[in-house]
Amino acid sequence: GSLKENVRYVQLDAGHYTEGTEYVR
């Protein structure tokens, strides 16, 4: 019965991955 929250966020700077890469944590 548990619900947890995840955060979806997007990379703003080019780095190891390109700008615009989306993540969920």
PDB file of all heavy atoms in Angstrom:
ATOM      1  N   GLY A   1       0.777  -1.226   0.000  1.00  0.00           N
ATOM      2  CA  GLY A   1       0.000   0.000   0.000  1.00  0.00           C
ATOM      3  C   GLY A   1       0.816   1.286   0.000  1.00  0.00           C
ATOM      4  O   GLY A   1       0.266   2.365   0.171  1.00  0.00           O
ATOM      5  N   SER A   2       2.117   1.158  -0.201  1.00  0.00           N
ATOM      6  CA  SER A   2       2.954   2.361  -0.149  1.00  0.00           C
ATOM      7  C   SER A   2       3.113   3.001  -1.526  1.00  0.00           C
ATOM      8  O   SER A   2       3.191   2.324  -2.542  1.00  0.00           O
ATOM      9  CB  SER A   2       4.340   2.031   0.413  1.00  0.00           C
ATOM     10  OG  SER A   2       5.067   1.225  -0.487  1.00  0.00           O
ATOM     11  N   LEU A   3       3.111   4.316  -1.526  1.00  0.00           N
ATOM     12  CA  LEU A   3       3.396   5.103  -2.719  1.00  0.00           C
ATOM     13  C   LEU A   3       4.574   6.011  -2.390  1.00  0.00           C
ATOM     14  O   LEU A   3       4.582   6.655  -1.345  1.00  0.00           O
ATOM     15  CB  LEU A   3       2.197   5.961  -3.109  1.00  0.00           C
ATOM     16  CG  LEU A   3       0.974   5.229  -3.624  1.00  0.00           C
ATOM     17  CD1 LEU A   3      -0.189   6.197  -3.776  1.00  0.00           C
ATOM     18  CD2 LEU A   3       1.274   4.574  -4.954  1.00  0.00           C
ATOM     19  N   LYS A   4       5.557   6.029  -3.255  1.00  0.00           N
ATOM     20  CA  LYS A   4       6.702   6.912  -3.068  1.00  0.00           C
ATOM     21  C   LYS A   4       6.731   7.895  -4.219  1.00  0.00           C
ATOM     22  O   LYS A   4       6.163   7.656  -5.268  1.00  0.00           O
ATOM     23  CB  LYS A   4       7.999   6.113  -3.023  1.00  0.00           C
ATOM     24  CG  LYS A   4       8.083   5.218  -1.813  1.00  0.00           C
ATOM     25  CD  LYS A   4       9.445   4.627  -1.651  1.00  0.00           C
ATOM     26  CE  LYS A   4       9.463   3.812  -0.380  1.00  0.00           C
ATOM     27  NZ  LYS A   4      10.783   3.403  -0.013  1.00  0.00           N
ATOM     28  N   GLU A   5       7.420   8.996  -4.006  1.00  0.00           N
ATOM     29  CA  GLU A   5       7.535   9.993  -5.068  1.00  0.00           C
ATOM     30  C   GLU A   5       8.863   9.867  -5.782  1.00  0.00           C
ATOM     31  O   GLU A   5       9.895   9.615  -5.164  1.00  0.00           O
ATOM     32  CB  GLU A   5       7.433  11.408  -4.498  1.00  0.00           C
ATOM     33  CG  GLU A   5       6.022  11.902  -4.421  1.00  0.00           C
ATOM     34  CD  GLU A   5       5.965  13.382  -4.155  1.00  0.00           C
ATOM     35  OE1 GLU A   5       6.008  13.756  -2.984  1.00  0.00           O
ATOM     36  OE2 GLU A   5       5.867  14.152  -5.129  1.00  0.00           O
ATOM     37  N   ASN A   6       8.812  10.031  -7.077  1.00  0.00           N
ATOM     38  CA  ASN A   6      10.006  10.145  -7.905  1.00  0.00           C
ATOM     39  C   ASN A   6      10.046  11.552  -8.473  1.00  0.00           C
ATOM     40  O   ASN A   6       9.023  12.209  -8.590  1.00  0.00           O
ATOM     41  CB  ASN A   6       9.997   9.139  -9.055  1.00  0.00           C
ATOM     42  CG  ASN A   6      10.289   7.728  -8.604  1.00  0.00           C
ATOM     43  OD1 ASN A   6      10.756   7.493  -7.505  1.00  0.00           O
ATOM     44  ND2 ASN A   6      10.003   6.780  -9.460  1.00  0.00           N
ATOM     45  N   VAL A   7      11.242  11.991  -8.830  1.00  0.00           N
ATOM     46  CA  VAL A   7      11.447  13.303  -9.422  1.00  0.00           C
ATOM     47  C   VAL A   7      11.984  13.090 -10.830  1.00  0.00           C
ATOM     48  O   VAL A   7      12.939  12.341 -11.029  1.00  0.00           O
ATOM     49  CB  VAL A   7      12.464  14.124  -8.595  1.00  0.00           C
ATOM     50  CG1 VAL A   7      12.724  15.469  -9.242  1.00  0.00           C
ATOM     51  CG2 VAL A   7      11.962  14.296  -7.168  1.00  0.00           C
ATOM     52  N   ARG A   8      11.339  13.707 -11.816  1.00  0.00           N
ATOM     53  CA  ARG A   8      11.841  13.678 -13.197  1.00  0.00           C
ATOM     54  C   ARG A   8      12.494  15.019 -13.456  1.00  0.00           C
ATOM     55  O   ARG A   8      11.903  16.070 -13.201  1.00  0.00           O
ATOM     56  CB  ARG A   8      10.700  13.441 -14.187  1.00  0.00           C
ATOM     57  CG  ARG A   8      11.189  13.262 -15.622  1.00  0.00           C
ATOM     58  CD  ARG A   8      10.090  12.785 -16.549  1.00  0.00           C
ATOM     59  NE  ARG A   8       9.052  13.756 -16.763  1.00  0.00           N
ATOM     60  CZ  ARG A   8       9.002  14.592 -17.798  1.00  0.00           C
ATOM     61  NH1 ARG A   8       9.928  14.568 -18.731  1.00  0.00           N
ATOM     62  NH2 ARG A   8       8.019  15.448 -17.913  1.00  0.00           N
ATOM     63  N   TYR A   9      13.733  14.981 -13.944  1.00  0.00           N
ATOM     64  CA  TYR A   9      14.480  16.211 -14.150  1.00  0.00           C
ATOM     65  C   TYR A   9      15.317  16.117 -15.414  1.00  0.00           C
ATOM     66  O   TYR A   9      15.584  15.027 -15.914  1.00  0.00           O
ATOM     67  CB  TYR A   9      15.346  16.543 -12.928  1.00  0.00           C
ATOM     68  CG  TYR A   9      16.286  15.447 -12.492  1.00  0.00           C
ATOM     69  CD1 TYR A   9      17.645  15.519 -12.796  1.00  0.00           C
ATOM     70  CD2 TYR A   9      15.840  14.350 -11.768  1.00  0.00           C
ATOM     71  CE1 TYR A   9      18.524  14.521 -12.392  1.00  0.00           C
ATOM     72  CE2 TYR A   9      16.709  13.359 -11.363  1.00  0.00           C
ATOM     73  CZ  TYR A   9      18.041  13.448 -11.661  1.00  0.00           C
ATOM     74  OH  TYR A   9      18.913  12.461 -11.266  1.00  0.00           O
ATOM     75  N   VAL A  10      15.709  17.279 -15.950  1.00  0.00           N
ATOM     76  CA  VAL A  10      16.413  17.335 -17.225  1.00  0.00           C
ATOM     77  C   VAL A  10      17.742  18.070 -17.039  1.00  0.00           C
ATOM     78  O   VAL A  10      17.828  19.046 -16.296  1.00  0.00           O
ATOM     79  CB  VAL A  10      15.532  17.999 -18.313  1.00  0.00           C
ATOM     80  CG1 VAL A  10      15.222  19.439 -17.989  1.00  0.00           C
ATOM     81  CG2 VAL A  10      16.149  17.877 -19.673  1.00  0.00           C
ATOM     82  N   GLN A  11      18.757  17.553 -17.707  1.00  0.00           N
ATOM     83  CA  GLN A  11      20.103  18.122 -17.657  1.00  0.00           C
ATOM     84  C   GLN A  11      20.151  19.408 -18.473  1.00  0.00           C
ATOM     85  O   GLN A  11      19.729  19.441 -19.622  1.00  0.00           O
ATOM     86  CB  GLN A  11      21.087  17.088 -18.214  1.00  0.00           C
ATOM     87  CG  GLN A  11      22.526  17.462 -18.128  1.00  0.00           C
ATOM     88  CD  GLN A  11      23.417  16.282 -18.509  1.00  0.00           C
ATOM     89  OE1 GLN A  11      23.117  15.147 -18.172  1.00  0.00           O
ATOM     90  NE2 GLN A  11      24.489  16.565 -19.205  1.00  0.00           N
ATOM     91  N   LEU A  12      20.681  20.481 -17.876  1.00  0.00           N
ATOM     92  CA  LEU A  12      20.738  21.772 -18.559  1.00  0.00           C
ATOM     93  C   LEU A  12      22.090  22.052 -19.195  1.00  0.00           C
ATOM     94  O   LEU A  12      22.205  22.951 -20.030  1.00  0.00           O
ATOM     95  CB  LEU A  12      20.395  22.899 -17.579  1.00  0.00           C
ATOM     96  CG  LEU A  12      18.998  22.845 -16.966  1.00  0.00           C
ATOM     97  CD1 LEU A  12      18.824  23.980 -15.982  1.00  0.00           C
ATOM     98  CD2 LEU A  12      17.928  22.872 -18.037  1.00  0.00           C
ATOM     99  N   ASP A  13      23.123  21.334 -18.788  1.00  0.00           N
ATOM    100  CA  ASP A  13      24.477  21.557 -19.294  1.00  0.00           C
ATOM    101  C   ASP A  13      24.977  20.313 -20.016  1.00  0.00           C
ATOM    102  O   ASP A  13      24.707  19.199 -19.584  1.00  0.00           O
ATOM    103  CB  ASP A  13      25.435  21.867 -18.140  1.00  0.00           C
ATOM    104  CG  ASP A  13      24.963  23.031 -17.290  1.00  0.00           C
ATOM    105  OD1 ASP A  13      24.694  24.093 -17.876  1.00  0.00           O
ATOM    106  OD2 ASP A  13      24.865  22.876 -16.063  1.00  0.00           O
ATOM    107  N   ALA A  14      25.711  20.538 -21.107  1.00  0.00           N
ATOM    108  CA  ALA A  14      26.349  19.408 -21.781  1.00  0.00           C
ATOM    109  C   ALA A  14      27.474  18.902 -20.881  1.00  0.00           C
ATOM    110  O   ALA A  14      28.180  19.677 -20.253  1.00  0.00           O
ATOM    111  CB  ALA A  14      26.901  19.834 -23.133  1.00  0.00           C
ATOM    112  N   GLY A  15      27.614  17.607 -20.806  1.00  0.00           N
ATOM    113  CA  GLY A  15      28.643  16.982 -19.973  1.00  0.00           C
ATOM    114  C   GLY A  15      28.883  15.587 -20.495  1.00  0.00           C
ATOM    115  O   GLY A  15      28.985  15.381 -21.708  1.00  0.00           O
ATOM    116  N   HIS A  16      28.930  14.613 -19.573  1.00  0.00           N
ATOM    117  CA  HIS A  16      29.085  13.224 -19.994  1.00  0.00           C
ATOM    118  C   HIS A  16      27.930  12.824 -20.917  1.00  0.00           C
ATOM    119  O   HIS A  16      28.117  12.081 -21.875  1.00  0.00           O
ATOM    120  CB  HIS A  16      29.147  12.318 -18.755  1.00  0.00           C
ATOM    121  CG  HIS A  16      29.418  10.886 -19.072  1.00  0.00           C
ATOM    122  ND1 HIS A  16      30.646  10.447 -19.513  1.00  0.00           N
ATOM    123  CD2 HIS A  16      28.619   9.806 -19.037  1.00  0.00           C
ATOM    124  CE1 HIS A  16      30.582   9.146 -19.726  1.00  0.00           C
ATOM    125  NE2 HIS A  16      29.366   8.732 -19.445  1.00  0.00           N
ATOM    126  N   TYR A  17      26.725  13.338 -20.618  1.00  0.00           N
ATOM    127  CA  TYR A  17      25.564  13.146 -21.480  1.00  0.00           C
ATOM    128  C   TYR A  17      25.157  14.513 -22.029  1.00  0.00           C
ATOM    129  O   TYR A  17      25.518  15.550 -21.485  1.00  0.00           O
ATOM    130  CB  TYR A  17      24.402  12.508 -20.706  1.00  0.00           C
ATOM    131  CG  TYR A  17      24.736  11.121 -20.230  1.00  0.00           C
ATOM    132  CD1 TYR A  17      25.055  10.885 -18.900  1.00  0.00           C
ATOM    133  CD2 TYR A  17      24.769  10.051 -21.112  1.00  0.00           C
ATOM    134  CE1 TYR A  17      25.371   9.605 -18.456  1.00  0.00           C
ATOM    135  CE2 TYR A  17      25.090   8.773 -20.683  1.00  0.00           C
ATOM    136  CZ  TYR A  17      25.395   8.560 -19.352  1.00  0.00           C
ATOM    137  OH  TYR A  17      25.714   7.313 -18.934  1.00  0.00           O
ATOM    138  N   THR A  18      24.371  14.526 -23.091  1.00  0.00           N
ATOM    139  CA  THR A  18      24.014  15.774 -23.755  1.00  0.00           C
ATOM    140  C   THR A  18      22.992  16.582 -22.953  1.00  0.00           C
ATOM    141  O   THR A  18      22.231  16.028 -22.158  1.00  0.00           O
ATOM    142  CB  THR A  18      23.426  15.510 -25.152  1.00  0.00           C
ATOM    143  OG1 THR A  18      22.252  14.709 -25.013  1.00  0.00           O
ATOM    144  CG2 THR A  18      24.413  14.816 -26.052  1.00  0.00           C
ATOM    145  N   GLU A  19      22.990  17.871 -23.201  1.00  0.00           N
ATOM    146  CA  GLU A  19      21.982  18.759 -22.636  1.00  0.00           C
ATOM    147  C   GLU A  19      20.616  18.240 -23.056  1.00  0.00           C
ATOM    148  O   GLU A  19      20.418  17.820 -24.197  1.00  0.00           O
ATOM    149  CB  GLU A  19      22.212  20.165 -23.185  1.00  0.00           C
ATOM    150  CG  GLU A  19      21.198  21.181 -22.767  1.00  0.00           C
ATOM    151  CD  GLU A  19      21.457  22.523 -23.418  1.00  0.00           C
ATOM    152  OE1 GLU A  19      22.574  22.772 -23.904  1.00  0.00           O
ATOM    153  OE2 GLU A  19      20.511  23.329 -23.445  1.00  0.00           O
ATOM    154  N   GLY A  20      19.660  18.235 -22.134  1.00  0.00           N
ATOM    155  CA  GLY A  20      18.313  17.755 -22.441  1.00  0.00           C
ATOM    156  C   GLY A  20      18.070  16.313 -22.030  1.00  0.00           C
ATOM    157  O   GLY A  20      16.942  15.836 -22.103  1.00  0.00           O
ATOM    158  N   THR A  21      19.124  15.606 -21.575  1.00  0.00           N
ATOM    159  CA  THR A  21      18.944  14.230 -21.104  1.00  0.00           C
ATOM    160  C   THR A  21      18.020  14.243 -19.893  1.00  0.00           C
ATOM    161  O   THR A  21      18.174  15.063 -18.997  1.00  0.00           O
ATOM    162  CB  THR A  21      20.299  13.598 -20.729  1.00  0.00           C
ATOM    163  OG1 THR A  21      21.143  13.616 -21.883  1.00  0.00           O
ATOM    164  CG2 THR A  21      20.129  12.171 -20.241  1.00  0.00           C
ATOM    165  N   GLU A  22      17.039  13.338 -19.882  1.00  0.00           N
ATOM    166  CA  GLU A  22      16.088  13.266 -18.774  1.00  0.00           C
ATOM    167  C   GLU A  22      16.440  12.124 -17.831  1.00  0.00           C
ATOM    168  O   GLU A  22      16.934  11.079 -18.254  1.00  0.00           O
ATOM    169  CB  GLU A  22      14.669  13.063 -19.300  1.00  0.00           C
ATOM    170  CG  GLU A  22      14.132  14.286 -19.991  1.00  0.00           C
ATOM    171  CD  GLU A  22      12.647  14.209 -20.268  1.00  0.00           C
ATOM    172  OE1 GLU A  22      11.991  13.227 -19.871  1.00  0.00           O
ATOM    173  OE2 GLU A  22      12.137  15.151 -20.879  1.00  0.00           O
ATOM    174  N   TYR A  23      16.164  12.342 -16.563  1.00  0.00           N
ATOM    175  CA  TYR A  23      16.446  11.365 -15.515  1.00  0.00           C
ATOM    176  C   TYR A  23      15.246  11.263 -14.590  1.00  0.00           C
ATOM    177  O   TYR A  23      14.461  12.199 -14.466  1.00  0.00           O
ATOM    178  CB  TYR A  23      17.644  11.808 -14.665  1.00  0.00           C
ATOM    179  CG  TYR A  23      18.908  12.030 -15.441  1.00  0.00           C
ATOM    180  CD1 TYR A  23      19.187  13.272 -15.997  1.00  0.00           C
ATOM    181  CD2 TYR A  23      19.820  11.001 -15.611  1.00  0.00           C
ATOM    182  CE1 TYR A  23      20.353  13.482 -16.706  1.00  0.00           C
ATOM    183  CE2 TYR A  23      20.995  11.209 -16.321  1.00  0.00           C
ATOM    184  CZ  TYR A  23      21.257  12.457 -16.862  1.00  0.00           C
ATOM    185  OH  TYR A  23      22.411  12.663 -17.562  1.00  0.00           O
ATOM    186  N   VAL A  24      15.124  10.132 -13.902  1.00  0.00           N
ATOM    187  CA  VAL A  24      14.136   9.944 -12.849  1.00  0.00           C
ATOM    188  C   VAL A  24      14.872   9.375 -11.645  1.00  0.00           C
ATOM    189  O   VAL A  24      15.674   8.447 -11.772  1.00  0.00           O
ATOM    190  CB  VAL A  24      13.006   8.982 -13.285  1.00  0.00           C
ATOM    191  CG1 VAL A  24      12.048   8.710 -12.125  1.00  0.00           C
ATOM    192  CG2 VAL A  24      12.254   9.542 -14.481  1.00  0.00           C
ATOM    193  N   ARG A  25      14.615   9.963 -10.490  1.00  0.00           N
ATOM    194  CA  ARG A  25      15.305   9.542  -9.273  1.00  0.00           C
ATOM    195  C   ARG A  25      14.296   9.565  -8.121  1.00  0.00           C
ATOM    196  O   ARG A  25      13.397  10.400  -8.077  1.00  0.00           O
ATOM    197  CB  ARG A  25      16.450  10.517  -8.986  1.00  0.00           C
ATOM    198  CG  ARG A  25      17.348  10.128  -7.843  1.00  0.00           C
ATOM    199  CD  ARG A  25      18.429  11.167  -7.631  1.00  0.00           C
ATOM    200  NE  ARG A  25      19.385  11.208  -8.711  1.00  0.00           N
ATOM    201  CZ  ARG A  25      20.577  10.614  -8.686  1.00  0.00           C
ATOM    202  NH1 ARG A  25      20.943   9.927  -7.636  1.00  0.00           N
ATOM    203  NH2 ARG A  25      21.395  10.731  -9.706  1.00  0.00           N
TER     204      ARG A  25
END
